[in-house]
Amino acid sequence: MEPDVAQSKSQSGPQSQRAATVAAGGPTPPAGATHPEVALRRDRLALRAGAVAGLVGLVLRIATDQLHPATAPPNDSAAAFREYARSDIWTYVHVGQYVCALLIVMSLLALARRLSRQDSLAGVLALVGGVMAVMVAVVFTVQMAVDGVALRSAVHAWVTAAPGAATGSAFGVAEAVRSLEKGLSGFFLLNDGFTLLALGLAIALGRRYARWLGWAGAVAGIAFLVGGVVTASTGFSPESGVFLGPGSILLAVFVVGVCVSMWRDDALP
């Protein structure tokens, strides 16, 4: 009788563990799969989903930027407002930019999740980068609502106002909304900078991906931090572009490199 009992216990072990997992409300593992195998599959799926999201978001962002009216000097409000008023796709462009930013943020969150498992300063920096990436999405959502919807309505009210005092009042409202947009843009860039700096250093000081990629992200972060301060002080000025132009190029290099690295990552500890 004793051998039969031992055999019965050994055969029912995995089944009882699987039943206990289901009873506890956890996900049902595939038949024959152990918990480490399920976790490994989930991690690989998260990394590959993040890689795809980042690349798609970057490509779509470049496309939507080309659709954004940008002929008039952005700090010349009257000229910029007239150009915006002639655009029939203004709101749609900003909805597209919002979606692109969300995709890139999802990619950065997948990266932060992977890097945070390092038992060192790199892991702590990755957690900071993940939190800041969420802040990027929050601030950019508000900025796109102001720029793509509120500013559009204010500009329309100005160009359609009757000549006289009403025109001046409408322009003042539009200019106030524009100032709010500039402030949000400055802090969006600051959040962007802190995110890239933290994640870049997490890679450069860690052992997961190529260190040069991390330094590229860190330098991009510094460029966005300086550009954010300049934007908050001077608006959409040429001075801010001195830092944001190179920073944007390094950001693209960082995102592409990170996405390729995550796709190739086997997700092993």
C-alpha atoms as a PDB file:
ATOM      1  CA  MET A   1       0.000   0.000   0.000  1.00  0.00           C
ATOM      2  CA  GLU A   2       2.798   2.496   0.830  1.00  0.00           C
ATOM      3  CA  PRO A   3       4.332   2.585  -2.689  1.00  0.00           C
ATOM      4  CA  ASP A   4       0.887   3.242  -4.170  1.00  0.00           C
ATOM      5  CA  VAL A   5       0.312   6.144  -1.792  1.00  0.00           C
ATOM      6  CA  ALA A   6       3.713   7.669  -2.626  1.00  0.00           C
ATOM      7  CA  GLN A   7       3.059   7.317  -6.350  1.00  0.00           C
ATOM      8  CA  SER A   8      -0.343   8.922  -5.969  1.00  0.00           C
ATOM      9  CA  LYS A   9       1.157  11.902  -4.123  1.00  0.00           C
ATOM     10  CA  SER A  10       3.886  12.411  -6.736  1.00  0.00           C
ATOM     11  CA  GLN A  11       1.402  12.366  -9.603  1.00  0.00           C
ATOM     12  CA  SER A  12      -1.065  14.711  -7.952  1.00  0.00           C
ATOM     13  CA  GLY A  13       1.558  17.306  -6.942  1.00  0.00           C
ATOM     14  CA  PRO A  14       1.582  19.484 -10.067  1.00  0.00           C
ATOM     15  CA  GLN A  15      -2.200  19.140 -10.427  1.00  0.00           C
ATOM     16  CA  SER A  16      -2.783  20.203  -6.819  1.00  0.00           C
ATOM     17  CA  GLN A  17      -0.439  23.186  -7.312  1.00  0.00           C
ATOM     18  CA  ARG A  18      -2.287  24.197 -10.462  1.00  0.00           C
ATOM     19  CA  ALA A  19      -5.634  23.890  -8.658  1.00  0.00           C
ATOM     20  CA  ALA A  20      -4.316  25.947  -5.738  1.00  0.00           C
ATOM     21  CA  THR A  21      -3.207  28.697  -8.129  1.00  0.00           C
ATOM     22  CA  VAL A  22      -6.644  28.840  -9.751  1.00  0.00           C
ATOM     23  CA  ALA A  23      -8.372  28.792  -6.352  1.00  0.00           C
ATOM     24  CA  ALA A  24      -6.235  31.698  -5.189  1.00  0.00           C
ATOM     25  CA  GLY A  25      -7.409  33.766  -8.147  1.00  0.00           C
ATOM     26  CA  GLY A  26      -4.153  33.618 -10.078  1.00  0.00           C
ATOM     27  CA  PRO A  27      -3.762  32.987 -13.818  1.00  0.00           C
ATOM     28  CA  THR A  28      -4.245  29.430 -14.985  1.00  0.00           C
ATOM     29  CA  PRO A  29      -0.872  28.035 -16.149  1.00  0.00           C
ATOM     30  CA  PRO A  30      -0.891  25.947 -19.337  1.00  0.00           C
ATOM     31  CA  ALA A  31      -1.032  22.222 -18.699  1.00  0.00           C
ATOM     32  CA  GLY A  32       2.483  20.892 -18.113  1.00  0.00           C
ATOM     33  CA  ALA A  33       3.999  24.370 -17.601  1.00  0.00           C
ATOM     34  CA  THR A  34       5.692  25.364 -14.366  1.00  0.00           C
ATOM     35  CA  HIS A  35       5.391  28.784 -12.804  1.00  0.00           C
ATOM     36  CA  PRO A  36       8.913  29.885 -13.863  1.00  0.00           C
ATOM     37  CA  GLU A  37       8.071  28.930 -17.445  1.00  0.00           C
ATOM     38  CA  VAL A  38       4.847  30.949 -17.344  1.00  0.00           C
ATOM     39  CA  ALA A  39       6.690  33.960 -15.897  1.00  0.00           C
ATOM     40  CA  LEU A  40       9.365  33.683 -18.583  1.00  0.00           C
ATOM     41  CA  ARG A  41       6.769  33.633 -21.356  1.00  0.00           C
ATOM     42  CA  ARG A  42       5.021  36.646 -19.857  1.00  0.00           C
ATOM     43  CA  ASP A  43       8.287  38.583 -19.612  1.00  0.00           C
ATOM     44  CA  ARG A  44       9.214  37.784 -23.204  1.00  0.00           C
ATOM     45  CA  LEU A  45       5.759  38.862 -24.374  1.00  0.00           C
ATOM     46  CA  ALA A  46       6.030  42.147 -22.436  1.00  0.00           C
ATOM     47  CA  LEU A  47       9.448  42.875 -23.930  1.00  0.00           C
ATOM     48  CA  ARG A  48       8.343  42.162 -27.481  1.00  0.00           C
ATOM     49  CA  ALA A  49       5.126  44.137 -27.065  1.00  0.00           C
ATOM     50  CA  GLY A  50       7.172  47.042 -25.745  1.00  0.00           C
ATOM     51  CA  ALA A  51       9.582  46.778 -28.680  1.00  0.00           C
ATOM     52  CA  VAL A  52       6.755  46.885 -31.226  1.00  0.00           C
ATOM     53  CA  ALA A  53       4.970  49.725 -29.423  1.00  0.00           C
ATOM     54  CA  GLY A  54       8.115  51.844 -29.329  1.00  0.00           C
ATOM     55  CA  LEU A  55       8.966  51.437 -32.995  1.00  0.00           C
ATOM     56  CA  VAL A  56       5.382  52.006 -34.151  1.00  0.00           C
ATOM     57  CA  GLY A  57       5.076  55.051 -31.902  1.00  0.00           C
ATOM     58  CA  LEU A  58       8.324  56.541 -33.194  1.00  0.00           C
ATOM     59  CA  VAL A  59       7.412  56.062 -36.865  1.00  0.00           C
ATOM     60  CA  LEU A  60       3.913  57.477 -36.388  1.00  0.00           C
ATOM     61  CA  ARG A  61       5.287  60.420 -34.417  1.00  0.00           C
ATOM     62  CA  ILE A  62       7.557  61.353 -37.307  1.00  0.00           C
ATOM     63  CA  ALA A  63       4.576  61.117 -39.671  1.00  0.00           C
ATOM     64  CA  THR A  64       2.270  63.243 -37.502  1.00  0.00           C
ATOM     65  CA  ASP A  65       4.984  65.871 -37.027  1.00  0.00           C
ATOM     66  CA  GLN A  66       5.068  66.290 -40.806  1.00  0.00           C
ATOM     67  CA  LEU A  67       1.319  67.011 -40.785  1.00  0.00           C
ATOM     68  CA  HIS A  68       1.587  69.635 -38.046  1.00  0.00           C
ATOM     69  CA  PRO A  69       1.512  73.216 -39.430  1.00  0.00           C
ATOM     70  CA  ALA A  70       4.931  74.699 -38.733  1.00  0.00           C
ATOM     71  CA  THR A  71       5.605  77.429 -41.287  1.00  0.00           C
ATOM     72  CA  ALA A  72       4.964  80.471 -39.088  1.00  0.00           C
ATOM     73  CA  PRO A  73       7.374  81.251 -36.212  1.00  0.00           C
ATOM     74  CA  PRO A  74       5.771  79.539 -33.199  1.00  0.00           C
ATOM     75  CA  ASN A  75       6.527  82.461 -30.866  1.00  0.00           C
ATOM     76  CA  ASP A  76       4.731  84.863 -33.238  1.00  0.00           C
ATOM     77  CA  SER A  77       1.255  84.131 -31.934  1.00  0.00           C
ATOM     78  CA  ALA A  78      -0.732  86.108 -34.522  1.00  0.00           C
ATOM     79  CA  ALA A  79       1.035  84.447 -37.466  1.00  0.00           C
ATOM     80  CA  ALA A  80       0.887  81.007 -35.862  1.00  0.00           C
ATOM     81  CA  PHE A  81      -2.812  81.376 -35.043  1.00  0.00           C
ATOM     82  CA  ARG A  82      -3.675  82.270 -38.638  1.00  0.00           C
ATOM     83  CA  GLU A  83      -1.786  79.204 -39.860  1.00  0.00           C
ATOM     84  CA  TYR A  84      -3.531  76.975 -37.318  1.00  0.00           C
ATOM     85  CA  ALA A  85      -6.929  78.344 -38.317  1.00  0.00           C
ATOM     86  CA  ARG A  86      -6.363  77.204 -41.908  1.00  0.00           C
ATOM     87  CA  SER A  87      -5.695  73.604 -40.828  1.00  0.00           C
ATOM     88  CA  ASP A  88      -8.617  71.206 -41.171  1.00  0.00           C
ATOM     89  CA  ILE A  89      -6.829  68.365 -39.385  1.00  0.00           C
ATOM     90  CA  TRP A  90      -5.445  70.248 -36.376  1.00  0.00           C
ATOM     91  CA  THR A  91      -7.241  68.229 -33.703  1.00  0.00           C
ATOM     92  CA  TYR A  92      -6.641  64.921 -35.480  1.00  0.00           C
ATOM     93  CA  VAL A  93      -2.906  65.595 -35.676  1.00  0.00           C
ATOM     94  CA  HIS A  94      -2.759  66.164 -31.937  1.00  0.00           C
ATOM     95  CA  VAL A  95      -4.791  63.053 -31.212  1.00  0.00           C
ATOM     96  CA  GLY A  96      -2.261  61.181 -33.341  1.00  0.00           C
ATOM     97  CA  GLN A  97       0.656  62.716 -31.426  1.00  0.00           C
ATOM     98  CA  TYR A  98      -1.010  61.702 -28.173  1.00  0.00           C
ATOM     99  CA  VAL A  99      -1.342  58.078 -29.314  1.00  0.00           C
ATOM    100  CA  CYS A 100       2.285  58.044 -30.479  1.00  0.00           C
ATOM    101  CA  ALA A 101       3.477  59.310 -27.105  1.00  0.00           C
ATOM    102  CA  LEU A 102       1.463  56.624 -25.299  1.00  0.00           C
ATOM    103  CA  LEU A 103       3.042  53.912 -27.439  1.00  0.00           C
ATOM    104  CA  ILE A 104       6.545  55.172 -26.704  1.00  0.00           C
ATOM    105  CA  VAL A 105       5.753  55.440 -22.991  1.00  0.00           C
ATOM    106  CA  MET A 106       4.518  51.836 -22.984  1.00  0.00           C
ATOM    107  CA  SER A 107       7.827  50.823 -24.538  1.00  0.00           C
ATOM    108  CA  LEU A 108       9.768  52.717 -21.870  1.00  0.00           C
ATOM    109  CA  LEU A 109       7.678  51.102 -19.128  1.00  0.00           C
ATOM    110  CA  ALA A 110       8.514  47.653 -20.501  1.00  0.00           C
ATOM    111  CA  LEU A 111      12.170  48.685 -20.478  1.00  0.00           C
ATOM    112  CA  ALA A 112      11.947  49.989 -16.906  1.00  0.00           C
ATOM    113  CA  ARG A 113      10.286  46.766 -15.765  1.00  0.00           C
ATOM    114  CA  ARG A 114      13.111  44.714 -17.231  1.00  0.00           C
ATOM    115  CA  LEU A 115      15.915  46.907 -15.896  1.00  0.00           C
ATOM    116  CA  SER A 116      14.396  47.240 -12.407  1.00  0.00           C
ATOM    117  CA  ARG A 117      15.238  43.595 -11.633  1.00  0.00           C
ATOM    118  CA  GLN A 118      18.927  44.397 -11.357  1.00  0.00           C
ATOM    119  CA  ASP A 119      20.215  44.285  -7.771  1.00  0.00           C
ATOM    120  CA  SER A 120      22.139  47.534  -7.940  1.00  0.00           C
ATOM    121  CA  LEU A 121      21.794  51.281  -8.424  1.00  0.00           C
ATOM    122  CA  ALA A 122      20.772  50.512 -12.008  1.00  0.00           C
ATOM    123  CA  GLY A 123      17.619  48.808 -10.734  1.00  0.00           C
ATOM    124  CA  VAL A 124      16.687  51.820  -8.597  1.00  0.00           C
ATOM    125  CA  LEU A 125      17.248  54.190 -11.521  1.00  0.00           C
ATOM    126  CA  ALA A 126      15.010  52.017 -13.675  1.00  0.00           C
ATOM    127  CA  LEU A 127      12.188  52.366 -11.134  1.00  0.00           C
ATOM    128  CA  VAL A 128      12.634  56.137 -11.148  1.00  0.00           C
ATOM    129  CA  GLY A 129      12.554  56.103 -14.946  1.00  0.00           C
ATOM    130  CA  GLY A 130       9.334  54.104 -14.947  1.00  0.00           C
ATOM    131  CA  VAL A 131       7.628  56.558 -12.598  1.00  0.00           C
ATOM    132  CA  MET A 132       8.802  59.517 -14.671  1.00  0.00           C
ATOM    133  CA  ALA A 133       7.547  57.838 -17.860  1.00  0.00           C
ATOM    134  CA  VAL A 134       4.059  57.793 -16.342  1.00  0.00           C
ATOM    135  CA  MET A 135       4.444  61.510 -15.579  1.00  0.00           C
ATOM    136  CA  VAL A 136       5.387  62.091 -19.219  1.00  0.00           C
ATOM    137  CA  ALA A 137       2.128  60.488 -20.360  1.00  0.00           C
ATOM    138  CA  VAL A 138       0.050  62.476 -17.844  1.00  0.00           C
ATOM    139  CA  VAL A 139       1.527  65.886 -18.684  1.00  0.00           C
ATOM    140  CA  PHE A 140       1.471  65.247 -22.430  1.00  0.00           C
ATOM    141  CA  THR A 141      -2.188  64.234 -22.280  1.00  0.00           C
ATOM    142  CA  VAL A 142      -3.051  67.605 -20.738  1.00  0.00           C
ATOM    143  CA  GLN A 143      -0.823  69.437 -23.204  1.00  0.00           C
ATOM    144  CA  MET A 144      -2.513  67.812 -26.198  1.00  0.00           C
ATOM    145  CA  ALA A 145      -5.950  68.638 -24.796  1.00  0.00           C
ATOM    146  CA  VAL A 146      -4.898  72.287 -24.459  1.00  0.00           C
ATOM    147  CA  ASP A 147      -3.094  72.492 -27.809  1.00  0.00           C
ATOM    148  CA  GLY A 148      -5.341  70.284 -29.925  1.00  0.00           C
ATOM    149  CA  VAL A 149      -8.755  71.277 -28.565  1.00  0.00           C
ATOM    150  CA  ALA A 150      -8.754  74.386 -26.356  1.00  0.00           C
ATOM    151  CA  LEU A 151      -6.320  76.408 -28.489  1.00  0.00           C
ATOM    152  CA  ARG A 152      -8.131  75.413 -31.672  1.00  0.00           C
ATOM    153  CA  SER A 153     -11.420  76.725 -30.257  1.00  0.00           C
ATOM    154  CA  ALA A 154      -9.808  79.937 -29.010  1.00  0.00           C
ATOM    155  CA  VAL A 155      -8.138  80.589 -32.370  1.00  0.00           C
ATOM    156  CA  HIS A 156     -11.409  79.962 -34.211  1.00  0.00           C
ATOM    157  CA  ALA A 157     -13.171  82.450 -31.930  1.00  0.00           C
ATOM    158  CA  TRP A 158     -10.495  85.036 -32.720  1.00  0.00           C
ATOM    159  CA  VAL A 159     -10.537  84.687 -36.521  1.00  0.00           C
ATOM    160  CA  THR A 160     -14.344  84.775 -36.609  1.00  0.00           C
ATOM    161  CA  ALA A 161     -14.809  87.631 -34.120  1.00  0.00           C
ATOM    162  CA  ALA A 162     -16.330  90.898 -35.289  1.00  0.00           C
ATOM    163  CA  PRO A 163     -13.811  93.715 -35.859  1.00  0.00           C
ATOM    164  CA  GLY A 164     -13.260  95.893 -32.823  1.00  0.00           C
ATOM    165  CA  ALA A 165     -12.984  95.186 -29.133  1.00  0.00           C
ATOM    166  CA  ALA A 166     -14.228  91.630 -29.566  1.00  0.00           C
ATOM    167  CA  THR A 167     -11.209  90.778 -31.701  1.00  0.00           C
ATOM    168  CA  GLY A 168      -8.778  92.016 -29.068  1.00  0.00           C
ATOM    169  CA  SER A 169     -10.548  90.106 -26.320  1.00  0.00           C
ATOM    170  CA  ALA A 170     -10.605  86.899 -28.362  1.00  0.00           C
ATOM    171  CA  PHE A 171      -6.911  87.236 -29.163  1.00  0.00           C
ATOM    172  CA  GLY A 172      -6.150  87.734 -25.463  1.00  0.00           C
ATOM    173  CA  VAL A 173      -7.965  84.490 -24.636  1.00  0.00           C
ATOM    174  CA  ALA A 174      -6.108  82.606 -27.369  1.00  0.00           C
ATOM    175  CA  GLU A 175      -2.791  84.052 -26.180  1.00  0.00           C
ATOM    176  CA  ALA A 176      -3.539  82.924 -22.614  1.00  0.00           C
ATOM    177  CA  VAL A 177      -4.240  79.390 -23.825  1.00  0.00           C
ATOM    178  CA  ARG A 178      -1.021  79.532 -25.832  1.00  0.00           C
ATOM    179  CA  SER A 179       0.919  80.537 -22.718  1.00  0.00           C
ATOM    180  CA  LEU A 180      -0.550  77.580 -20.859  1.00  0.00           C
ATOM    181  CA  GLU A 181       0.554  75.316 -23.695  1.00  0.00           C
ATOM    182  CA  LYS A 182       4.105  76.675 -23.504  1.00  0.00           C
ATOM    183  CA  GLY A 183       4.229  76.026 -19.779  1.00  0.00           C
ATOM    184  CA  LEU A 184       2.982  72.472 -20.211  1.00  0.00           C
ATOM    185  CA  SER A 185       5.473  71.898 -23.019  1.00  0.00           C
ATOM    186  CA  GLY A 186       8.336  73.037 -20.811  1.00  0.00           C
ATOM    187  CA  PHE A 187       7.400  70.639 -18.023  1.00  0.00           C
ATOM    188  CA  PHE A 188       6.699  67.837 -20.487  1.00  0.00           C
ATOM    189  CA  LEU A 189      10.258  68.227 -21.746  1.00  0.00           C
ATOM    190  CA  LEU A 190      11.579  68.230 -18.182  1.00  0.00           C
ATOM    191  CA  ASN A 191       9.760  64.987 -17.435  1.00  0.00           C
ATOM    192  CA  ASP A 192      11.050  63.583 -20.706  1.00  0.00           C
ATOM    193  CA  GLY A 193      14.576  64.535 -19.715  1.00  0.00           C
ATOM    194  CA  PHE A 194      14.414  62.938 -16.277  1.00  0.00           C
ATOM    195  CA  THR A 195      12.941  59.763 -17.797  1.00  0.00           C
ATOM    196  CA  LEU A 196      15.663  59.412 -20.416  1.00  0.00           C
ATOM    197  CA  LEU A 197      18.409  60.299 -17.947  1.00  0.00           C
ATOM    198  CA  ALA A 198      17.247  57.691 -15.412  1.00  0.00           C
ATOM    199  CA  LEU A 199      16.699  54.900 -17.932  1.00  0.00           C
ATOM    200  CA  GLY A 200      19.869  55.744 -19.816  1.00  0.00           C
ATOM    201  CA  LEU A 201      21.947  55.532 -16.643  1.00  0.00           C
ATOM    202  CA  ALA A 202      20.151  52.308 -15.684  1.00  0.00           C
ATOM    203  CA  ILE A 203      21.438  50.786 -18.919  1.00  0.00           C
ATOM    204  CA  ALA A 204      24.901  52.386 -18.771  1.00  0.00           C
ATOM    205  CA  LEU A 205      25.494  51.264 -15.180  1.00  0.00           C
ATOM    206  CA  GLY A 206      23.791  47.898 -15.576  1.00  0.00           C
ATOM    207  CA  ARG A 207      24.464  44.690 -17.404  1.00  0.00           C
ATOM    208  CA  ARG A 208      21.405  44.134 -19.594  1.00  0.00           C
ATOM    209  CA  TYR A 209      22.013  46.061 -22.803  1.00  0.00           C
ATOM    210  CA  ALA A 210      24.842  47.859 -24.601  1.00  0.00           C
ATOM    211  CA  ARG A 211      26.248  50.612 -22.424  1.00  0.00           C
ATOM    212  CA  TRP A 212      26.730  53.041 -25.305  1.00  0.00           C
ATOM    213  CA  LEU A 213      22.967  52.930 -25.772  1.00  0.00           C
ATOM    214  CA  GLY A 214      22.496  53.968 -22.176  1.00  0.00           C
ATOM    215  CA  TRP A 215      24.883  56.885 -22.509  1.00  0.00           C
ATOM    216  CA  ALA A 216      23.026  58.015 -25.635  1.00  0.00           C
ATOM    217  CA  GLY A 217      19.791  58.041 -23.661  1.00  0.00           C
ATOM    218  CA  ALA A 218      21.400  59.880 -20.751  1.00  0.00           C
ATOM    219  CA  VAL A 219      22.810  62.609 -23.013  1.00  0.00           C
ATOM    220  CA  ALA A 220      19.409  62.929 -24.708  1.00  0.00           C
ATOM    221  CA  GLY A 221      17.883  63.342 -21.267  1.00  0.00           C
ATOM    222  CA  ILE A 222      20.277  66.168 -20.391  1.00  0.00           C
ATOM    223  CA  ALA A 223      19.452  67.889 -23.699  1.00  0.00           C
ATOM    224  CA  PHE A 224      15.718  67.667 -22.962  1.00  0.00           C
ATOM    225  CA  LEU A 225      16.215  68.969 -19.427  1.00  0.00           C
ATOM    226  CA  VAL A 226      18.042  72.053 -20.682  1.00  0.00           C
ATOM    227  CA  GLY A 227      15.562  72.452 -23.542  1.00  0.00           C
ATOM    228  CA  GLY A 228      12.672  72.223 -21.086  1.00  0.00           C
ATOM    229  CA  VAL A 229      14.096  74.991 -18.917  1.00  0.00           C
ATOM    230  CA  VAL A 230      14.680  77.196 -21.981  1.00  0.00           C
ATOM    231  CA  THR A 231      11.167  76.487 -23.302  1.00  0.00           C
ATOM    232  CA  ALA A 232       9.616  77.362 -19.944  1.00  0.00           C
ATOM    233  CA  SER A 233      11.562  80.659 -20.005  1.00  0.00           C
ATOM    234  CA  THR A 234      11.385  81.712 -23.670  1.00  0.00           C
ATOM    235  CA  GLY A 235       8.554  79.657 -25.194  1.00  0.00           C
ATOM    236  CA  PHE A 236       8.966  77.960 -28.563  1.00  0.00           C
ATOM    237  CA  SER A 237      12.142  79.880 -29.339  1.00  0.00           C
ATOM    238  CA  PRO A 238      15.142  79.110 -31.556  1.00  0.00           C
ATOM    239  CA  GLU A 239      17.225  78.924 -28.377  1.00  0.00           C
ATOM    240  CA  SER A 240      15.291  75.886 -27.171  1.00  0.00           C
ATOM    241  CA  GLY A 241      15.742  74.226 -30.553  1.00  0.00           C
ATOM    242  CA  VAL A 242      19.516  74.322 -30.110  1.00  0.00           C
ATOM    243  CA  PHE A 243      19.132  71.660 -27.418  1.00  0.00           C
ATOM    244  CA  LEU A 244      15.927  69.916 -28.504  1.00  0.00           C
ATOM    245  CA  GLY A 245      17.116  69.220 -32.064  1.00  0.00           C
ATOM    246  CA  PRO A 246      20.133  67.070 -31.095  1.00  0.00           C
ATOM    247  CA  GLY A 247      18.163  65.660 -28.178  1.00  0.00           C
ATOM    248  CA  SER A 248      15.420  64.439 -30.503  1.00  0.00           C
ATOM    249  CA  ILE A 249      17.959  62.675 -32.731  1.00  0.00           C
ATOM    250  CA  LEU A 250      19.508  60.936 -29.729  1.00  0.00           C
ATOM    251  CA  LEU A 251      16.020  60.047 -28.490  1.00  0.00           C
ATOM    252  CA  ALA A 252      15.270  58.319 -31.800  1.00  0.00           C
ATOM    253  CA  VAL A 253      18.572  56.409 -31.607  1.00  0.00           C
ATOM    254  CA  PHE A 254      17.809  55.414 -28.016  1.00  0.00           C
ATOM    255  CA  VAL A 255      14.263  54.230 -28.753  1.00  0.00           C
ATOM    256  CA  VAL A 256      15.295  52.198 -31.798  1.00  0.00           C
ATOM    257  CA  GLY A 257      18.249  50.651 -29.959  1.00  0.00           C
ATOM    258  CA  VAL A 258      16.151  49.828 -26.905  1.00  0.00           C
ATOM    259  CA  CYS A 259      13.380  48.276 -28.997  1.00  0.00           C
ATOM    260  CA  VAL A 260      15.825  46.079 -30.913  1.00  0.00           C
ATOM    261  CA  SER A 261      17.473  45.040 -27.634  1.00  0.00           C
ATOM    262  CA  MET A 262      14.138  44.183 -26.010  1.00  0.00           C
ATOM    263  CA  TRP A 263      13.068  42.136 -29.030  1.00  0.00           C
ATOM    264  CA  ARG A 264      16.287  40.109 -28.842  1.00  0.00           C
ATOM    265  CA  ASP A 265      16.152  39.762 -25.042  1.00  0.00           C
ATOM    266  CA  ASP A 266      15.522  36.195 -23.893  1.00  0.00           C
ATOM    267  CA  ALA A 267      14.102  37.550 -20.593  1.00  0.00           C
ATOM    268  CA  LEU A 268      16.294  35.229 -18.533  1.00  0.00           C
ATOM    269  CA  PRO A 269      17.353  36.492 -15.075  1.00  0.00           C
END
